[in-house]
C-alpha atoms as a PDB file:
ATOM      1  CA  UNK A   1     106.050  59.427  99.320  1.00  0.00           C
ATOM      2  CA  UNK A   2     106.727  61.573  96.253  1.00  0.00           C
ATOM      3  CA  UNK A   3     105.570  65.062  95.414  1.00  0.00           C
ATOM      4  CA  UNK A   4     103.167  65.247  92.529  1.00  0.00           C
ATOM      5  CA  UNK A   5     104.572  66.836  89.412  1.00  0.00           C
ATOM      6  CA  UNK A   6     103.108  69.808  87.598  1.00  0.00           C
ATOM      7  CA  UNK A   7     101.527  67.704  84.825  1.00  0.00           C
ATOM      8  CA  UNK A   8      99.906  65.382  87.366  1.00  0.00           C
ATOM      9  CA  UNK A   9      98.499  68.339  89.319  1.00  0.00           C
ATOM     10  CA  UNK A  10      97.294  69.989  86.121  1.00  0.00           C
ATOM     11  CA  UNK A  11      95.349  66.847  85.214  1.00  0.00           C
ATOM     12  CA  UNK A  12      93.528  67.033  88.568  1.00  0.00           C
ATOM     13  CA  UNK A  13      92.523  70.696  88.264  1.00  0.00           C
ATOM     14  CA  UNK A  14      89.323  72.072  86.821  1.00  0.00           C
ATOM     15  CA  UNK A  15      89.654  74.164  83.708  1.00  0.00           C
ATOM     16  CA  UNK A  16      88.280  77.711  83.802  1.00  0.00           C
ATOM     17  CA  UNK A  17      85.303  76.493  81.769  1.00  0.00           C
ATOM     18  CA  UNK A  18      84.635  73.609  84.158  1.00  0.00           C
ATOM     19  CA  UNK A  19      84.906  75.954  87.153  1.00  0.00           C
ATOM     20  CA  UNK A  20      82.345  78.284  85.580  1.00  0.00           C
ATOM     21  CA  UNK A  21      79.741  75.516  85.461  1.00  0.00           C
ATOM     22  CA  UNK A  22      80.770  73.511  88.542  1.00  0.00           C
ATOM     23  CA  UNK A  23      78.387  72.809  91.400  1.00  0.00           C
ATOM     24  CA  UNK A  24      79.687  75.147  94.092  1.00  0.00           C
ATOM     25  CA  UNK A  25      79.629  74.649  97.842  1.00  0.00           C
ATOM     26  CA  UNK A  26      77.025  76.380 100.020  1.00  0.00           C
ATOM     27  CA  UNK A  27      79.549  78.857 101.419  1.00  0.00           C
ATOM     28  CA  UNK A  28      79.998  82.479 100.370  1.00  0.00           C
ATOM     29  CA  UNK A  29      82.441  85.109 101.605  1.00  0.00           C
ATOM     30  CA  UNK A  30      81.755  88.796 102.231  1.00  0.00           C
ATOM     31  CA  UNK A  31      84.671  91.204 102.606  1.00  0.00           C
ATOM     32  CA  UNK A  32      83.730  94.211 104.736  1.00  0.00           C
ATOM     33  CA  UNK A  33      86.003  97.184 103.955  1.00  0.00           C
ATOM     34  CA  UNK A  34      89.239  95.292 103.405  1.00  0.00           C
ATOM     35  CA  UNK A  35      92.108  97.665 102.576  1.00  0.00           C
ATOM     36  CA  UNK A  36      94.782  95.442 101.083  1.00  0.00           C
ATOM     37  CA  UNK A  37      94.673  94.407  97.443  1.00  0.00           C
ATOM     38  CA  UNK A  38      96.885  91.466  98.385  1.00  0.00           C
ATOM     39  CA  UNK A  39      94.479  90.262 101.093  1.00  0.00           C
ATOM     40  CA  UNK A  40      91.647  90.421  98.564  1.00  0.00           C
ATOM     41  CA  UNK A  41      93.696  88.407  96.078  1.00  0.00           C
ATOM     42  CA  UNK A  42      94.528  85.838  98.723  1.00  0.00           C
ATOM     43  CA  UNK A  43      90.846  85.417  99.626  1.00  0.00           C
ATOM     44  CA  UNK A  44      90.031  84.875  95.943  1.00  0.00           C
ATOM     45  CA  UNK A  45      92.715  82.199  95.735  1.00  0.00           C
ATOM     46  CA  UNK A  46      91.301  80.357  98.763  1.00  0.00           C
ATOM     47  CA  UNK A  47      87.748  80.811  97.461  1.00  0.00           C
ATOM     48  CA  UNK A  48      88.777  79.180  94.187  1.00  0.00           C
ATOM     49  CA  UNK A  49      90.518  76.276  95.922  1.00  0.00           C
ATOM     50  CA  UNK A  50      87.423  75.629  98.049  1.00  0.00           C
ATOM     51  CA  UNK A  51      84.913  76.232  95.225  1.00  0.00           C
ATOM     52  CA  UNK A  52      82.891  78.746  97.247  1.00  0.00           C
ATOM     53  CA  UNK A  53      79.654  80.048  95.816  1.00  0.00           C
ATOM     54  CA  UNK A  54      80.766  83.687  95.573  1.00  0.00           C
ATOM     55  CA  UNK A  55      82.857  86.475  97.017  1.00  0.00           C
ATOM     56  CA  UNK A  56      81.021  89.695  97.816  1.00  0.00           C
ATOM     57  CA  UNK A  57      83.194  92.799  97.980  1.00  0.00           C
ATOM     58  CA  UNK A  58      81.748  95.720  99.926  1.00  0.00           C
ATOM     59  CA  UNK A  59      82.570  99.251 100.991  1.00  0.00           C
ATOM     60  CA  UNK A  60      86.034 100.387  99.989  1.00  0.00           C
ATOM     61  CA  UNK A  61      87.293  96.847  99.401  1.00  0.00           C
ATOM     62  CA  UNK A  62      89.226  96.962  96.113  1.00  0.00           C
ATOM     63  CA  UNK A  63      87.689  95.089  93.196  1.00  0.00           C
ATOM     64  CA  UNK A  64      89.167  93.365  90.148  1.00  0.00           C
ATOM     65  CA  UNK A  65      90.611  93.989  87.703  1.00  0.00           C
ATOM     66  CA  UNK A  66      93.704  95.106  89.596  1.00  0.00           C
ATOM     67  CA  UNK A  67      97.156  93.669  88.934  1.00  0.00           C
ATOM     68  CA  UNK A  68      97.854  93.318  92.672  1.00  0.00           C
ATOM     69  CA  UNK A  69      94.686  91.255  93.198  1.00  0.00           C
ATOM     70  CA  UNK A  70      95.331  89.093  90.137  1.00  0.00           C
ATOM     71  CA  UNK A  71      98.969  88.509  91.096  1.00  0.00           C
ATOM     72  CA  UNK A  72      98.079  87.198  94.557  1.00  0.00           C
ATOM     73  CA  UNK A  73      94.954  85.391  93.346  1.00  0.00           C
ATOM     74  CA  UNK A  74      96.905  83.687  90.538  1.00  0.00           C
ATOM     75  CA  UNK A  75      93.927  84.493  88.311  1.00  0.00           C
ATOM     76  CA  UNK A  76      91.247  83.203  90.718  1.00  0.00           C
ATOM     77  CA  UNK A  77      89.566  86.606  90.423  1.00  0.00           C
ATOM     78  CA  UNK A  78      88.464  85.316  87.000  1.00  0.00           C
ATOM     79  CA  UNK A  79      87.301  81.858  88.113  1.00  0.00           C
ATOM     80  CA  UNK A  80      85.393  82.753  91.289  1.00  0.00           C
ATOM     81  CA  UNK A  81      81.984  84.409  90.939  1.00  0.00           C
ATOM     82  CA  UNK A  82      82.059  87.797  92.645  1.00  0.00           C
ATOM     83  CA  UNK A  83      80.044  90.961  92.920  1.00  0.00           C
ATOM     84  CA  UNK A  84      80.418  94.362  94.465  1.00  0.00           C
ATOM     85  CA  UNK A  85      77.912  96.070  96.745  1.00  0.00           C
ATOM     86  CA  UNK A  86      78.668  99.467  98.216  1.00  0.00           C
ATOM     87  CA  UNK A  87      76.914  98.793 101.512  1.00  0.00           C
ATOM     88  CA  UNK A  88      77.940  95.750 103.552  1.00  0.00           C
ATOM     89  CA  UNK A  89      74.700  96.174 105.529  1.00  0.00           C
ATOM     90  CA  UNK A  90      72.638  95.925 102.332  1.00  0.00           C
ATOM     91  CA  UNK A  91      74.688  92.897 101.275  1.00  0.00           C
ATOM     92  CA  UNK A  92      73.976  91.091 104.566  1.00  0.00           C
ATOM     93  CA  UNK A  93      70.265  91.908 104.374  1.00  0.00           C
ATOM     94  CA  UNK A  94      70.094  90.687 100.768  1.00  0.00           C
ATOM     95  CA  UNK A  95      71.796  87.413 101.668  1.00  0.00           C
ATOM     96  CA  UNK A  96      69.452  86.831 104.598  1.00  0.00           C
ATOM     97  CA  UNK A  97      66.388  87.618 102.465  1.00  0.00           C
ATOM     98  CA  UNK A  98      67.567  84.822 100.194  1.00  0.00           C
ATOM     99  CA  UNK A  99      67.864  82.276 103.010  1.00  0.00           C
ATOM    100  CA  UNK A 100      71.592  82.571 103.643  1.00  0.00           C
ATOM    101  CA  UNK A 101      72.819  82.494 107.246  1.00  0.00           C
ATOM    102  CA  UNK A 102      75.489  85.133 107.821  1.00  0.00           C
ATOM    103  CA  UNK A 103      78.337  84.625 110.298  1.00  0.00           C
ATOM    104  CA  UNK A 104      81.012  87.125 111.218  1.00  0.00           C
ATOM    105  CA  UNK A 105      84.482  85.659 111.614  1.00  0.00           C
ATOM    106  CA  UNK A 106      85.096  87.735 114.706  1.00  0.00           C
ATOM    107  CA  UNK A 107      85.940  87.529 118.382  1.00  0.00           C
ATOM    108  CA  UNK A 108      82.664  88.202 120.193  1.00  0.00           C
ATOM    109  CA  UNK A 109      81.251  87.351 123.597  1.00  0.00           C
ATOM    110  CA  UNK A 110      79.005  84.608 122.169  1.00  0.00           C
ATOM    111  CA  UNK A 111      81.028  83.256 119.246  1.00  0.00           C
ATOM    112  CA  UNK A 112      81.072  79.579 118.390  1.00  0.00           C
ATOM    113  CA  UNK A 113      84.225  77.775 117.380  1.00  0.00           C
ATOM    114  CA  UNK A 114      84.817  77.949 113.642  1.00  0.00           C
ATOM    115  CA  UNK A 115      84.595  74.155 113.357  1.00  0.00           C
ATOM    116  CA  UNK A 116      81.165  73.806 115.003  1.00  0.00           C
ATOM    117  CA  UNK A 117      78.919  74.597 112.041  1.00  0.00           C
ATOM    118  CA  UNK A 118      75.783  72.452 111.786  1.00  0.00           C
ATOM    119  CA  UNK A 119      73.524  71.554 108.876  1.00  0.00           C
ATOM    120  CA  UNK A 120      71.033  74.301 109.768  1.00  0.00           C
ATOM    121  CA  UNK A 121      73.832  76.887 109.405  1.00  0.00           C
ATOM    122  CA  UNK A 122      73.878  76.406 105.604  1.00  0.00           C
ATOM    123  CA  UNK A 123      73.896  77.925 103.119  1.00  0.00           C
ATOM    124  CA  UNK A 124      76.122  80.434 104.854  1.00  0.00           C
ATOM    125  CA  UNK A 125      78.222  83.483 104.236  1.00  0.00           C
ATOM    126  CA  UNK A 126      81.356  84.247 106.235  1.00  0.00           C
ATOM    127  CA  UNK A 127      81.991  87.951 106.845  1.00  0.00           C
ATOM    128  CA  UNK A 128      85.589  89.059 107.202  1.00  0.00           C
ATOM    129  CA  UNK A 129      86.295  92.583 108.341  1.00  0.00           C
ATOM    130  CA  UNK A 130      88.806  95.338 108.026  1.00  0.00           C
ATOM    131  CA  UNK A 131      92.421  94.600 108.897  1.00  0.00           C
ATOM    132  CA  UNK A 132      92.407  97.094 111.796  1.00  0.00           C
ATOM    133  CA  UNK A 133      88.831  97.334 113.078  1.00  0.00           C
ATOM    134  CA  UNK A 134      87.362  93.965 112.070  1.00  0.00           C
ATOM    135  CA  UNK A 135      83.740  93.476 111.074  1.00  0.00           C
ATOM    136  CA  UNK A 136      81.821  96.749 111.323  1.00  0.00           C
ATOM    137  CA  UNK A 137      79.468  97.080 114.300  1.00  0.00           C
ATOM    138  CA  UNK A 138      76.502  97.764 111.979  1.00  0.00           C
ATOM    139  CA  UNK A 139      77.240  94.566 110.054  1.00  0.00           C
ATOM    140  CA  UNK A 140      77.904  92.546 113.204  1.00  0.00           C
ATOM    141  CA  UNK A 141      74.514  93.582 114.603  1.00  0.00           C
ATOM    142  CA  UNK A 142      72.799  91.959 111.593  1.00  0.00           C
ATOM    143  CA  UNK A 143      74.750  88.702 111.543  1.00  0.00           C
ATOM    144  CA  UNK A 144      73.084  85.458 112.585  1.00  0.00           C
ATOM    145  CA  UNK A 145      76.076  84.796 114.794  1.00  0.00           C
ATOM    146  CA  UNK A 146      79.825  84.733 114.855  1.00  0.00           C
ATOM    147  CA  UNK A 147      82.496  82.106 114.608  1.00  0.00           C
ATOM    148  CA  UNK A 148      85.940  82.429 116.069  1.00  0.00           C
ATOM    149  CA  UNK A 149      89.238  80.712 115.548  1.00  0.00           C
ATOM    150  CA  UNK A 150      90.792  79.779 118.892  1.00  0.00           C
ATOM    151  CA  UNK A 151      94.152  81.355 119.629  1.00  0.00           C
ATOM    152  CA  UNK A 152      96.406  79.998 122.320  1.00  0.00           C
ATOM    153  CA  UNK A 153      99.425  82.261 122.088  1.00  0.00           C
ATOM    154  CA  UNK A 154     100.149  85.894 122.860  1.00  0.00           C
ATOM    155  CA  UNK A 155      98.520  87.388 119.763  1.00  0.00           C
ATOM    156  CA  UNK A 156      94.755  87.430 119.443  1.00  0.00           C
ATOM    157  CA  UNK A 157      94.336  88.040 115.768  1.00  0.00           C
ATOM    158  CA  UNK A 158      95.267  86.596 112.406  1.00  0.00           C
ATOM    159  CA  UNK A 159      95.905  88.394 109.168  1.00  0.00           C
ATOM    160  CA  UNK A 160      92.481  88.603 107.517  1.00  0.00           C
ATOM    161  CA  UNK A 161      93.555  86.403 104.600  1.00  0.00           C
ATOM    162  CA  UNK A 162      94.845  83.733 106.996  1.00  0.00           C
ATOM    163  CA  UNK A 163      91.622  83.868 109.027  1.00  0.00           C
ATOM    164  CA  UNK A 164      89.638  83.619 105.799  1.00  0.00           C
ATOM    165  CA  UNK A 165      91.566  80.530 104.771  1.00  0.00           C
ATOM    166  CA  UNK A 166      90.997  78.764 108.070  1.00  0.00           C
ATOM    167  CA  UNK A 167      87.289  79.642 108.234  1.00  0.00           C
ATOM    168  CA  UNK A 168      86.546  78.909 104.562  1.00  0.00           C
ATOM    169  CA  UNK A 169      88.170  75.480 104.668  1.00  0.00           C
ATOM    170  CA  UNK A 170      86.298  74.585 107.877  1.00  0.00           C
ATOM    171  CA  UNK A 171      82.960  75.784 106.487  1.00  0.00           C
ATOM    172  CA  UNK A 172      83.363  73.952 103.183  1.00  0.00           C
ATOM    173  CA  UNK A 173      84.418  70.757 104.944  1.00  0.00           C
ATOM    174  CA  UNK A 174      81.361  71.016 107.229  1.00  0.00           C
ATOM    175  CA  UNK A 175      79.124  71.611 104.179  1.00  0.00           C
ATOM    176  CA  UNK A 176      80.564  68.546 102.451  1.00  0.00           C
ATOM    177  CA  UNK A 177      80.349  66.346 105.549  1.00  0.00           C
ATOM    178  CA  UNK A 178      76.794  67.398 106.394  1.00  0.00           C
ATOM    179  CA  UNK A 179      75.705  66.840 102.805  1.00  0.00           C
END
């Protein structure tokens, strides 16, 4: 086993131009009032790696261009389609009107495991909420459901960027497997 070198990895990567025209997966991400510029940048970086359809920034979530976002995103804020909508509620309604199933990544009393998405759950959008309060109650009330990441230790929460990474990878892998 040998680590791949930089040139080998570079040859495997899409260029910015290829990413702009690539067929994207049927998974979007909505950030509901995220505070940290670094968490936003991290979500962009994961969204780029997983070739998600788009990132929707809502409420007071910071938007590019911001050096803190770009630094953490390693420039993925340029390669991932994104848009801003003031109201997360309006964003959820708009997605649903366009046939997208919306799932909060949240601990709720009827959440499914994050790795139990089915073909009828796509296309989907994963909603990730504020670092302190989670997904807003008004947004949660509109979601088609929720998915949770099981936690077996003492803590019952992840950093929002970590939770996003876990949920995005699982959703994209389900999308790819289910065809």
